[in-house]
Each structure stands twice: as C-alpha cells, then as structure tokens.
N, C-alpha and C. Protein backbone atom coordinates (compact mmCIF):
# COMPACT_ATOMS: atom_id res chain seq x y z
N MET A 1 60.09 80.16 30.42
CA MET A 1 60.32 79.06 31.32
C MET A 1 59.30 79.12 32.44
N PRO A 2 58.66 77.99 32.74
CA PRO A 2 57.64 78.00 33.79
C PRO A 2 58.26 78.26 35.15
N SER A 3 57.45 78.84 36.03
CA SER A 3 57.97 79.13 37.36
C SER A 3 58.10 77.83 38.15
N PRO A 4 59.12 77.75 39.03
CA PRO A 4 59.32 76.51 39.79
C PRO A 4 58.21 76.32 40.82
N TYR A 5 58.00 75.07 41.16
CA TYR A 5 56.99 74.75 42.16
C TYR A 5 57.52 75.12 43.54
N PRO A 6 56.64 75.56 44.43
CA PRO A 6 57.09 75.92 45.78
C PRO A 6 57.63 74.69 46.51
N PRO A 7 58.57 74.87 47.43
CA PRO A 7 59.15 73.75 48.16
C PRO A 7 58.09 72.94 48.94
N GLU A 8 57.10 73.62 49.48
CA GLU A 8 56.04 72.92 50.23
C GLU A 8 55.27 71.97 49.33
N PHE A 9 55.00 72.39 48.10
CA PHE A 9 54.29 71.56 47.13
C PHE A 9 55.12 70.32 46.80
N ARG A 10 56.41 70.51 46.61
CA ARG A 10 57.30 69.39 46.32
C ARG A 10 57.33 68.40 47.49
N ARG A 11 57.44 68.96 48.71
CA ARG A 11 57.51 68.11 49.89
C ARG A 11 56.26 67.25 50.03
N ARG A 12 55.08 67.83 49.77
CA ARG A 12 53.82 67.08 49.88
C ARG A 12 53.76 65.97 48.83
N ALA A 13 54.19 66.29 47.61
CA ALA A 13 54.18 65.27 46.56
C ALA A 13 55.14 64.13 46.91
N LEU A 14 56.31 64.47 47.44
CA LEU A 14 57.27 63.43 47.84
C LEU A 14 56.77 62.63 49.04
N ASP A 15 56.03 63.28 49.95
CA ASP A 15 55.44 62.55 51.08
C ASP A 15 54.45 61.50 50.59
N LEU A 16 53.67 61.83 49.55
CA LEU A 16 52.73 60.87 48.99
C LEU A 16 53.46 59.66 48.40
N ILE A 17 54.60 59.93 47.72
CA ILE A 17 55.38 58.83 47.14
C ILE A 17 55.98 57.97 48.25
N ARG A 18 56.48 58.62 49.30
CA ARG A 18 57.07 57.88 50.42
C ARG A 18 56.01 57.07 51.16
N ALA A 19 54.76 57.53 51.11
CA ALA A 19 53.67 56.82 51.79
C ALA A 19 53.29 55.55 51.04
N GLY A 20 53.82 55.35 49.83
CA GLY A 20 53.58 54.10 49.12
C GLY A 20 52.80 54.24 47.82
N ARG A 21 52.44 55.45 47.48
CA ARG A 21 51.72 55.63 46.22
C ARG A 21 52.71 55.63 45.07
N SER A 22 52.25 55.22 43.93
CA SER A 22 53.14 55.15 42.77
C SER A 22 53.34 56.54 42.16
N VAL A 23 54.45 56.70 41.47
CA VAL A 23 54.78 57.98 40.85
C VAL A 23 53.73 58.38 39.82
N PRO A 24 53.24 57.46 38.94
CA PRO A 24 52.20 57.87 37.99
C PRO A 24 50.91 58.35 38.68
N ASP A 25 50.54 57.69 39.81
CA ASP A 25 49.33 58.12 40.53
C ASP A 25 49.50 59.52 41.12
N VAL A 26 50.64 59.75 41.74
CA VAL A 26 50.90 61.06 42.35
C VAL A 26 50.99 62.13 41.27
N ALA A 27 51.60 61.80 40.14
CA ALA A 27 51.73 62.76 39.04
C ALA A 27 50.36 63.19 38.55
N GLU A 28 49.46 62.22 38.42
CA GLU A 28 48.10 62.54 37.95
C GLU A 28 47.35 63.32 39.01
N LEU A 29 47.56 62.98 40.29
CA LEU A 29 46.85 63.62 41.39
C LEU A 29 47.26 65.09 41.55
N VAL A 30 48.56 65.39 41.48
CA VAL A 30 49.02 66.77 41.71
C VAL A 30 49.17 67.57 40.44
N GLY A 31 49.10 66.91 39.28
CA GLY A 31 49.17 67.63 38.01
C GLY A 31 50.58 67.99 37.59
N VAL A 32 51.53 67.10 37.88
CA VAL A 32 52.92 67.32 37.53
C VAL A 32 53.36 66.14 36.67
N GLY A 33 54.29 66.38 35.77
CA GLY A 33 54.80 65.31 34.92
C GLY A 33 55.53 64.26 35.73
N GLN A 34 55.46 63.02 35.24
CA GLN A 34 56.12 61.92 35.94
C GLN A 34 57.64 62.12 36.01
N SER A 35 58.21 62.59 34.91
CA SER A 35 59.66 62.79 34.89
C SER A 35 60.08 63.82 35.94
N THR A 36 59.22 64.83 36.15
CA THR A 36 59.52 65.83 37.17
C THR A 36 59.53 65.20 38.55
N LEU A 37 58.54 64.34 38.81
CA LEU A 37 58.49 63.66 40.11
C LEU A 37 59.68 62.74 40.31
N TYR A 38 60.09 62.05 39.26
CA TYR A 38 61.26 61.19 39.38
C TYR A 38 62.51 62.03 39.71
N LEU A 39 62.64 63.20 39.08
CA LEU A 39 63.78 64.09 39.38
C LEU A 39 63.72 64.59 40.82
N TRP A 40 62.52 64.95 41.27
CA TRP A 40 62.36 65.42 42.65
C TRP A 40 62.73 64.32 43.64
N ARG A 41 62.29 63.10 43.35
CA ARG A 41 62.58 61.98 44.23
C ARG A 41 64.09 61.72 44.27
N GLN A 42 64.70 61.77 43.10
CA GLN A 42 66.15 61.57 43.01
C GLN A 42 66.89 62.61 43.85
N GLN A 43 66.52 63.88 43.70
CA GLN A 43 67.17 64.96 44.44
C GLN A 43 66.89 64.83 45.94
N ASP A 44 65.69 64.38 46.30
CA ASP A 44 65.35 64.20 47.71
C ASP A 44 66.24 63.13 48.35
N LEU A 45 66.48 62.06 47.64
CA LEU A 45 67.36 60.99 48.15
C LEU A 45 68.79 61.52 48.34
N ILE A 46 69.23 62.33 47.42
CA ILE A 46 70.57 62.93 47.53
C ILE A 46 70.62 63.89 48.71
N ASP A 47 69.58 64.73 48.85
CA ASP A 47 69.54 65.70 49.94
C ASP A 47 69.53 65.03 51.31
N ARG A 48 68.85 63.87 51.41
CA ARG A 48 68.78 63.15 52.69
C ARG A 48 70.01 62.28 52.93
N GLY A 49 70.93 62.23 51.96
CA GLY A 49 72.16 61.47 52.13
C GLY A 49 72.02 59.99 51.85
N LEU A 50 70.92 59.59 51.23
CA LEU A 50 70.71 58.18 50.93
C LEU A 50 71.32 57.77 49.60
N LYS A 51 71.72 58.75 48.82
CA LYS A 51 72.30 58.49 47.50
C LYS A 51 73.45 59.47 47.28
N PRO A 52 74.51 59.04 46.61
CA PRO A 52 75.61 59.99 46.36
C PRO A 52 75.22 61.05 45.33
N GLY A 53 75.75 62.23 45.52
CA GLY A 53 75.48 63.33 44.59
C GLY A 53 75.64 64.66 45.31
N THR A 54 75.33 65.73 44.61
CA THR A 54 75.44 67.07 45.17
C THR A 54 74.09 67.52 45.69
N ALA A 55 74.03 67.79 46.98
CA ALA A 55 72.78 68.23 47.59
C ALA A 55 72.43 69.63 47.10
N ARG A 56 71.14 69.96 47.23
CA ARG A 56 70.66 71.26 46.77
C ARG A 56 71.35 72.40 47.52
N VAL A 57 71.58 72.20 48.82
CA VAL A 57 72.25 73.24 49.62
C VAL A 57 73.67 73.45 49.10
N GLU A 58 74.36 72.34 48.81
CA GLU A 58 75.72 72.44 48.28
C GLU A 58 75.71 73.09 46.91
N SER A 59 74.70 72.77 46.12
CA SER A 59 74.59 73.36 44.79
C SER A 59 74.43 74.88 44.89
N ALA A 60 73.59 75.32 45.83
CA ALA A 60 73.38 76.76 46.00
C ALA A 60 74.68 77.43 46.45
N ALA A 61 75.40 76.77 47.35
CA ALA A 61 76.68 77.33 47.81
C ALA A 61 77.69 77.35 46.68
N LEU A 62 77.68 76.31 45.85
CA LEU A 62 78.59 76.24 44.71
C LEU A 62 78.28 77.34 43.69
N ILE A 63 77.01 77.58 43.44
CA ILE A 63 76.61 78.64 42.51
C ILE A 63 77.04 80.00 43.06
N ALA A 64 76.83 80.22 44.36
CA ALA A 64 77.23 81.48 44.98
C ALA A 64 78.75 81.65 44.91
N ALA A 65 79.48 80.56 45.13
CA ALA A 65 80.95 80.63 45.08
C ALA A 65 81.43 80.94 43.67
N ARG A 66 80.81 80.32 42.66
CA ARG A 66 81.20 80.60 41.27
C ARG A 66 80.92 82.05 40.91
N LYS A 67 79.79 82.58 41.38
CA LYS A 67 79.46 83.98 41.11
C LYS A 67 80.48 84.90 41.77
N ARG A 68 80.86 84.58 43.00
CA ARG A 68 81.85 85.39 43.72
C ARG A 68 83.21 85.32 43.02
N ILE A 69 83.57 84.14 42.53
CA ILE A 69 84.83 83.99 41.80
C ILE A 69 84.83 84.86 40.55
N GLN A 70 83.70 84.86 39.83
CA GLN A 70 83.60 85.68 38.63
C GLN A 70 83.74 87.16 38.97
N GLU A 71 83.10 87.60 40.05
CA GLU A 71 83.21 88.99 40.48
C GLU A 71 84.65 89.34 40.83
N LEU A 72 85.32 88.44 41.55
CA LEU A 72 86.71 88.68 41.94
C LEU A 72 87.64 88.73 40.73
N GLU A 73 87.39 87.87 39.74
CA GLU A 73 88.20 87.89 38.53
C GLU A 73 88.03 89.21 37.78
N GLU A 74 86.80 89.73 37.76
CA GLU A 74 86.56 91.04 37.13
C GLU A 74 87.30 92.13 37.89
N GLU A 75 87.26 92.07 39.23
CA GLU A 75 87.96 93.07 40.03
C GLU A 75 89.47 93.02 39.77
N VAL A 76 90.00 91.81 39.63
CA VAL A 76 91.43 91.66 39.37
C VAL A 76 91.79 92.31 38.03
N LYS A 77 90.95 92.10 37.01
CA LYS A 77 91.20 92.72 35.71
C LYS A 77 91.20 94.24 35.83
N ILE A 78 90.23 94.75 36.55
CA ILE A 78 90.13 96.20 36.74
C ILE A 78 91.36 96.73 37.48
N LEU A 79 91.74 96.02 38.54
CA LEU A 79 92.88 96.47 39.33
C LEU A 79 94.20 96.38 38.55
N ARG A 80 94.31 95.39 37.68
CA ARG A 80 95.53 95.31 36.85
C ARG A 80 95.60 96.49 35.90
N LYS A 81 94.46 96.86 35.31
CA LYS A 81 94.45 98.04 34.43
C LYS A 81 94.79 99.29 35.23
N ALA A 82 94.22 99.39 36.44
CA ALA A 82 94.51 100.56 37.29
C ALA A 82 95.98 100.59 37.69
N ALA A 83 96.55 99.42 37.97
CA ALA A 83 97.96 99.37 38.34
C ALA A 83 98.84 99.81 37.18
N ASP A 84 98.47 99.42 35.96
CA ASP A 84 99.22 99.87 34.79
C ASP A 84 99.15 101.39 34.65
N ALA A 85 97.96 101.94 34.89
CA ALA A 85 97.80 103.40 34.80
C ALA A 85 98.60 104.10 35.90
N VAL A 86 98.58 103.53 37.10
CA VAL A 86 99.34 104.11 38.21
C VAL A 86 100.82 104.07 37.91
N GLU A 87 101.28 102.98 37.32
CA GLU A 87 102.70 102.84 37.00
C GLU A 87 103.16 103.91 36.02
N GLN A 88 102.27 104.32 35.11
CA GLN A 88 102.63 105.34 34.14
C GLN A 88 102.60 106.74 34.74
N VAL A 89 101.75 106.95 35.75
CA VAL A 89 101.54 108.29 36.29
C VAL A 89 102.31 108.52 37.59
N VAL A 90 102.28 107.56 38.49
CA VAL A 90 102.85 107.75 39.81
C VAL A 90 104.31 107.28 39.83
N ARG A 91 105.17 108.11 40.38
CA ARG A 91 106.58 107.76 40.48
C ARG A 91 106.77 106.70 41.55
N PRO A 92 107.91 105.99 41.53
CA PRO A 92 108.12 104.91 42.50
C PRO A 92 107.97 105.33 43.96
N LYS A 93 108.39 106.55 44.31
CA LYS A 93 108.22 106.99 45.70
C LYS A 93 106.75 106.99 46.10
N GLY A 94 105.91 107.46 45.21
CA GLY A 94 104.47 107.46 45.48
C GLY A 94 103.90 106.06 45.56
N ARG A 95 104.44 105.15 44.75
CA ARG A 95 103.98 103.76 44.79
C ARG A 95 104.40 103.09 46.09
N PHE A 96 105.58 103.45 46.62
CA PHE A 96 106.00 102.91 47.91
C PHE A 96 105.03 103.35 49.00
N GLN A 97 104.55 104.58 48.90
CA GLN A 97 103.58 105.07 49.88
C GLN A 97 102.27 104.30 49.75
N LEU A 98 101.86 104.00 48.51
CA LEU A 98 100.66 103.18 48.31
C LEU A 98 100.82 101.79 48.91
N VAL A 99 101.99 101.20 48.75
CA VAL A 99 102.25 99.88 49.34
C VAL A 99 102.14 99.97 50.86
N ASP A 100 102.67 101.02 51.44
CA ASP A 100 102.61 101.21 52.89
C ASP A 100 101.16 101.31 53.35
N GLU A 101 100.33 102.06 52.63
CA GLU A 101 98.92 102.19 52.98
C GLU A 101 98.18 100.86 52.84
N LEU A 102 98.49 100.13 51.77
CA LEU A 102 97.87 98.82 51.57
C LEU A 102 98.28 97.84 52.67
N ALA A 103 99.55 97.90 53.07
CA ALA A 103 100.03 97.02 54.15
C ALA A 103 99.30 97.33 55.45
N ALA A 104 99.01 98.60 55.68
CA ALA A 104 98.27 98.98 56.88
C ALA A 104 96.83 98.45 56.83
N ASP A 105 96.31 98.25 55.63
CA ASP A 105 94.96 97.71 55.46
C ASP A 105 94.94 96.18 55.46
N GLY A 106 96.10 95.55 55.62
CA GLY A 106 96.14 94.09 55.71
C GLY A 106 96.55 93.37 54.44
N VAL A 107 96.92 94.10 53.40
CA VAL A 107 97.37 93.48 52.15
C VAL A 107 98.83 93.08 52.32
N ARG A 108 99.20 91.93 51.79
CA ARG A 108 100.59 91.48 51.89
C ARG A 108 101.50 92.41 51.09
N VAL A 109 102.63 92.77 51.69
CA VAL A 109 103.57 93.71 51.08
C VAL A 109 104.10 93.16 49.75
N ARG A 110 104.45 91.88 49.74
CA ARG A 110 105.00 91.27 48.52
C ARG A 110 103.98 91.38 47.38
N ARG A 111 102.74 91.10 47.65
CA ARG A 111 101.69 91.15 46.62
C ARG A 111 101.48 92.58 46.13
N ALA A 112 101.42 93.53 47.08
CA ALA A 112 101.21 94.93 46.71
C ALA A 112 102.36 95.45 45.86
N CYS A 113 103.58 95.08 46.23
CA CYS A 113 104.75 95.51 45.45
C CYS A 113 104.71 94.93 44.04
N LEU A 114 104.33 93.66 43.93
CA LEU A 114 104.25 93.02 42.63
C LEU A 114 103.24 93.71 41.73
N VAL A 115 102.06 93.99 42.27
CA VAL A 115 101.01 94.62 41.48
C VAL A 115 101.37 96.05 41.09
N LEU A 116 102.02 96.79 42.00
CA LEU A 116 102.35 98.19 41.73
C LEU A 116 103.68 98.36 41.00
N GLY A 117 104.39 97.26 40.78
CA GLY A 117 105.61 97.32 39.97
C GLY A 117 106.82 97.90 40.67
N VAL A 118 106.94 97.66 41.97
CA VAL A 118 108.12 98.09 42.71
C VAL A 118 108.72 96.88 43.42
N SER A 119 109.99 96.99 43.82
CA SER A 119 110.64 95.86 44.47
C SER A 119 110.35 95.86 45.97
N VAL A 120 110.28 94.68 46.52
CA VAL A 120 110.03 94.53 47.96
C VAL A 120 111.22 95.08 48.74
N SER A 121 112.43 94.76 48.28
CA SER A 121 113.62 95.24 48.99
C SER A 121 113.70 96.77 48.94
N GLY A 122 113.33 97.36 47.81
CA GLY A 122 113.30 98.81 47.70
C GLY A 122 112.30 99.43 48.65
N PHE A 123 111.15 98.78 48.81
CA PHE A 123 110.13 99.28 49.73
C PHE A 123 110.67 99.30 51.16
N TYR A 124 111.25 98.16 51.59
CA TYR A 124 111.75 98.10 52.96
C TYR A 124 112.95 99.02 53.18
N GLU A 125 113.81 99.17 52.16
CA GLU A 125 114.95 100.07 52.28
C GLU A 125 114.47 101.50 52.47
N ARG A 126 113.48 101.91 51.68
CA ARG A 126 112.94 103.26 51.79
C ARG A 126 112.24 103.47 53.13
N LYS A 127 111.56 102.44 53.60
CA LYS A 127 110.81 102.55 54.84
C LYS A 127 111.72 102.76 56.04
N HIS A 128 112.89 102.12 56.04
CA HIS A 128 113.79 102.19 57.18
C HIS A 128 114.90 103.23 57.02
N ARG A 129 114.90 103.94 55.89
CA ARG A 129 115.92 104.95 55.63
C ARG A 129 115.59 106.23 56.39
N ALA A 130 116.60 106.90 56.88
CA ALA A 130 116.41 108.20 57.55
C ALA A 130 116.00 109.24 56.50
N PRO A 131 115.25 110.26 56.90
CA PRO A 131 114.84 111.28 55.92
C PRO A 131 116.06 112.05 55.40
N SER A 132 115.99 112.43 54.12
CA SER A 132 117.11 113.14 53.50
C SER A 132 117.14 114.60 53.99
N ALA A 133 118.25 115.25 53.72
CA ALA A 133 118.41 116.67 54.11
C ALA A 133 117.36 117.52 53.40
N ARG A 134 117.06 117.18 52.16
CA ARG A 134 116.07 117.94 51.39
C ARG A 134 114.68 117.79 52.01
N THR A 135 114.33 116.59 52.42
CA THR A 135 113.02 116.36 53.06
C THR A 135 112.92 117.14 54.36
N ILE A 136 113.99 117.13 55.12
CA ILE A 136 114.00 117.88 56.39
C ILE A 136 113.86 119.38 56.13
N ARG A 137 114.56 119.88 55.12
CA ARG A 137 114.48 121.31 54.78
C ARG A 137 113.08 121.67 54.31
N HIS A 138 112.46 120.82 53.49
CA HIS A 138 111.09 121.09 53.03
C HIS A 138 110.11 121.13 54.21
N ALA A 139 110.28 120.24 55.16
CA ALA A 139 109.40 120.23 56.33
C ALA A 139 109.59 121.50 57.15
N TRP A 140 110.84 121.91 57.32
CA TRP A 140 111.14 123.13 58.06
C TRP A 140 110.52 124.35 57.37
N LEU A 141 110.70 124.42 56.04
CA LEU A 141 110.13 125.55 55.29
C LEU A 141 108.60 125.56 55.37
N THR A 142 107.99 124.42 55.30
CA THR A 142 106.54 124.34 55.39
C THR A 142 106.06 124.86 56.73
N ASP A 143 106.74 124.47 57.81
CA ASP A 143 106.38 124.97 59.13
C ASP A 143 106.59 126.48 59.24
N LEU A 144 107.69 126.97 58.68
CA LEU A 144 107.98 128.40 58.73
C LEU A 144 106.93 129.19 57.95
N ILE A 145 106.55 128.71 56.78
CA ILE A 145 105.52 129.39 55.98
C ILE A 145 104.19 129.41 56.74
N ALA A 146 103.85 128.30 57.39
CA ALA A 146 102.61 128.24 58.17
C ALA A 146 102.64 129.24 59.31
N GLN A 147 103.81 129.42 59.98
CA GLN A 147 103.94 130.38 61.07
C GLN A 147 103.77 131.81 60.55
N ILE A 148 104.40 132.11 59.42
CA ILE A 148 104.29 133.46 58.84
C ILE A 148 102.84 133.74 58.44
N HIS A 149 102.20 132.76 57.84
CA HIS A 149 100.81 132.92 57.43
C HIS A 149 99.91 133.15 58.64
N GLU A 150 100.17 132.42 59.72
CA GLU A 150 99.38 132.58 60.93
C GLU A 150 99.66 133.92 61.60
N ALA A 151 100.93 134.35 61.62
CA ALA A 151 101.31 135.62 62.24
C ALA A 151 100.69 136.81 61.50
N SER A 152 100.45 136.66 60.21
CA SER A 152 99.84 137.75 59.44
C SER A 152 98.32 137.66 59.44
N TYR A 153 97.78 136.82 60.31
CA TYR A 153 96.33 136.60 60.41
C TYR A 153 95.73 136.18 59.08
N GLY A 154 96.49 135.42 58.32
CA GLY A 154 96.00 134.86 57.06
C GLY A 154 96.01 135.83 55.89
N THR A 155 96.65 137.00 56.04
CA THR A 155 96.64 137.95 54.93
C THR A 155 97.78 137.70 53.96
N TYR A 156 98.91 137.21 54.45
CA TYR A 156 100.04 136.95 53.55
C TYR A 156 99.85 135.61 52.88
N GLY A 157 99.90 135.62 51.56
CA GLY A 157 99.81 134.40 50.79
C GLY A 157 101.17 133.98 50.31
N ARG A 158 101.21 133.08 49.36
CA ARG A 158 102.49 132.54 48.90
C ARG A 158 103.34 133.60 48.20
N LEU A 159 102.69 134.60 47.56
CA LEU A 159 103.48 135.62 46.85
C LEU A 159 104.20 136.56 47.80
N ARG A 160 103.64 136.80 48.98
CA ARG A 160 104.28 137.72 49.93
C ARG A 160 105.26 137.00 50.84
N VAL A 161 105.11 135.69 50.98
CA VAL A 161 106.01 134.94 51.86
C VAL A 161 107.18 134.47 51.01
N THR A 162 108.32 135.16 51.15
CA THR A 162 109.54 134.78 50.44
C THR A 162 110.67 134.67 51.44
N PHE A 163 111.66 133.94 51.06
CA PHE A 163 112.80 133.73 51.96
C PHE A 163 114.04 134.39 51.35
N TRP A 164 114.75 135.09 52.19
CA TRP A 164 116.00 135.72 51.77
C TRP A 164 117.09 135.09 52.60
N ARG A 165 118.18 134.76 51.98
CA ARG A 165 119.30 134.16 52.70
C ARG A 165 120.22 135.20 53.20
C-alpha cells in the first residue's frame, strides 16, 4: 500500500482547487489521481462542516475508542477466567477480603461480588460482624508467640515455642 500524502501536500492541493482551478488541472499539476483529489475535497468539506458526514478528527477518535473497547473486552475475558480460577481456589472468606480491597480501590461492591461469586448481603454481614472467639484467640496467640520470639532474641523458633494449659 502506498504511503499517504503529507497533510501539508493535501492542503496545498485543496487550496489550488479552492482558488478556482479544476480538479483535472490540479491532479496533473501535483501528480495525484483525480479520484484522490475528489475524495480529499469531499473530506475537506466534511471537516469544515459544510457537508454532513464524519470528520477526520471524529474518525480518529472513533478508531481509538473502538481499539480501547476491544482491549477492555479482552481484559474482561481474562478477568472472568481469573475469577473462575479464584472461585475454585479461594474460599468465600478470602473472596470477601478481595471485595473489600476492590471497594477501597473504587470498584462497586455489587459488581465485585458478582464477579467473585459471593453475595452482597454476605459481604456486608461479614464486614459488620464482630470477630469470633477463635479469631480473637488466634490474634492473642500470634502476639504471644511474637513476644516469646522477641524475648529469646530470635533464637526460639516455632518448634520451641509451645503452649501448655
């Protein structure tokens, strides 16, 4: 495919036509086909708003928008596959945490819950629920283990740190 003519070249050819010269004369003078000049003139009239149609600037924006839509559709496909994989691997509690992180990033909770396969009501119930006794005990044990590890100057590992009731 031949390379396109520079915009300055097109503008000069169109200026000659606007000055009153005929399209066949300008085509012979600049070395461009008559049909090409007619297309350029047509597009110029559209760009200047003298004729209905899609301006070149709008066309470029439309092309960019279509490309962006295609990219977003590909991302959606990828994310749906990832959501399916997450659903198989991550338990609902972990998915609720993912929804919370996504909500902090500005993603709508309803949409995040739908994609991750959890209920919106379940998310909000878990979010506002008080921590269970088991969670509190695990937090206490973690703090206690950290204190013992620090008190032993890092020499006691998990095998030496045991709890006796």
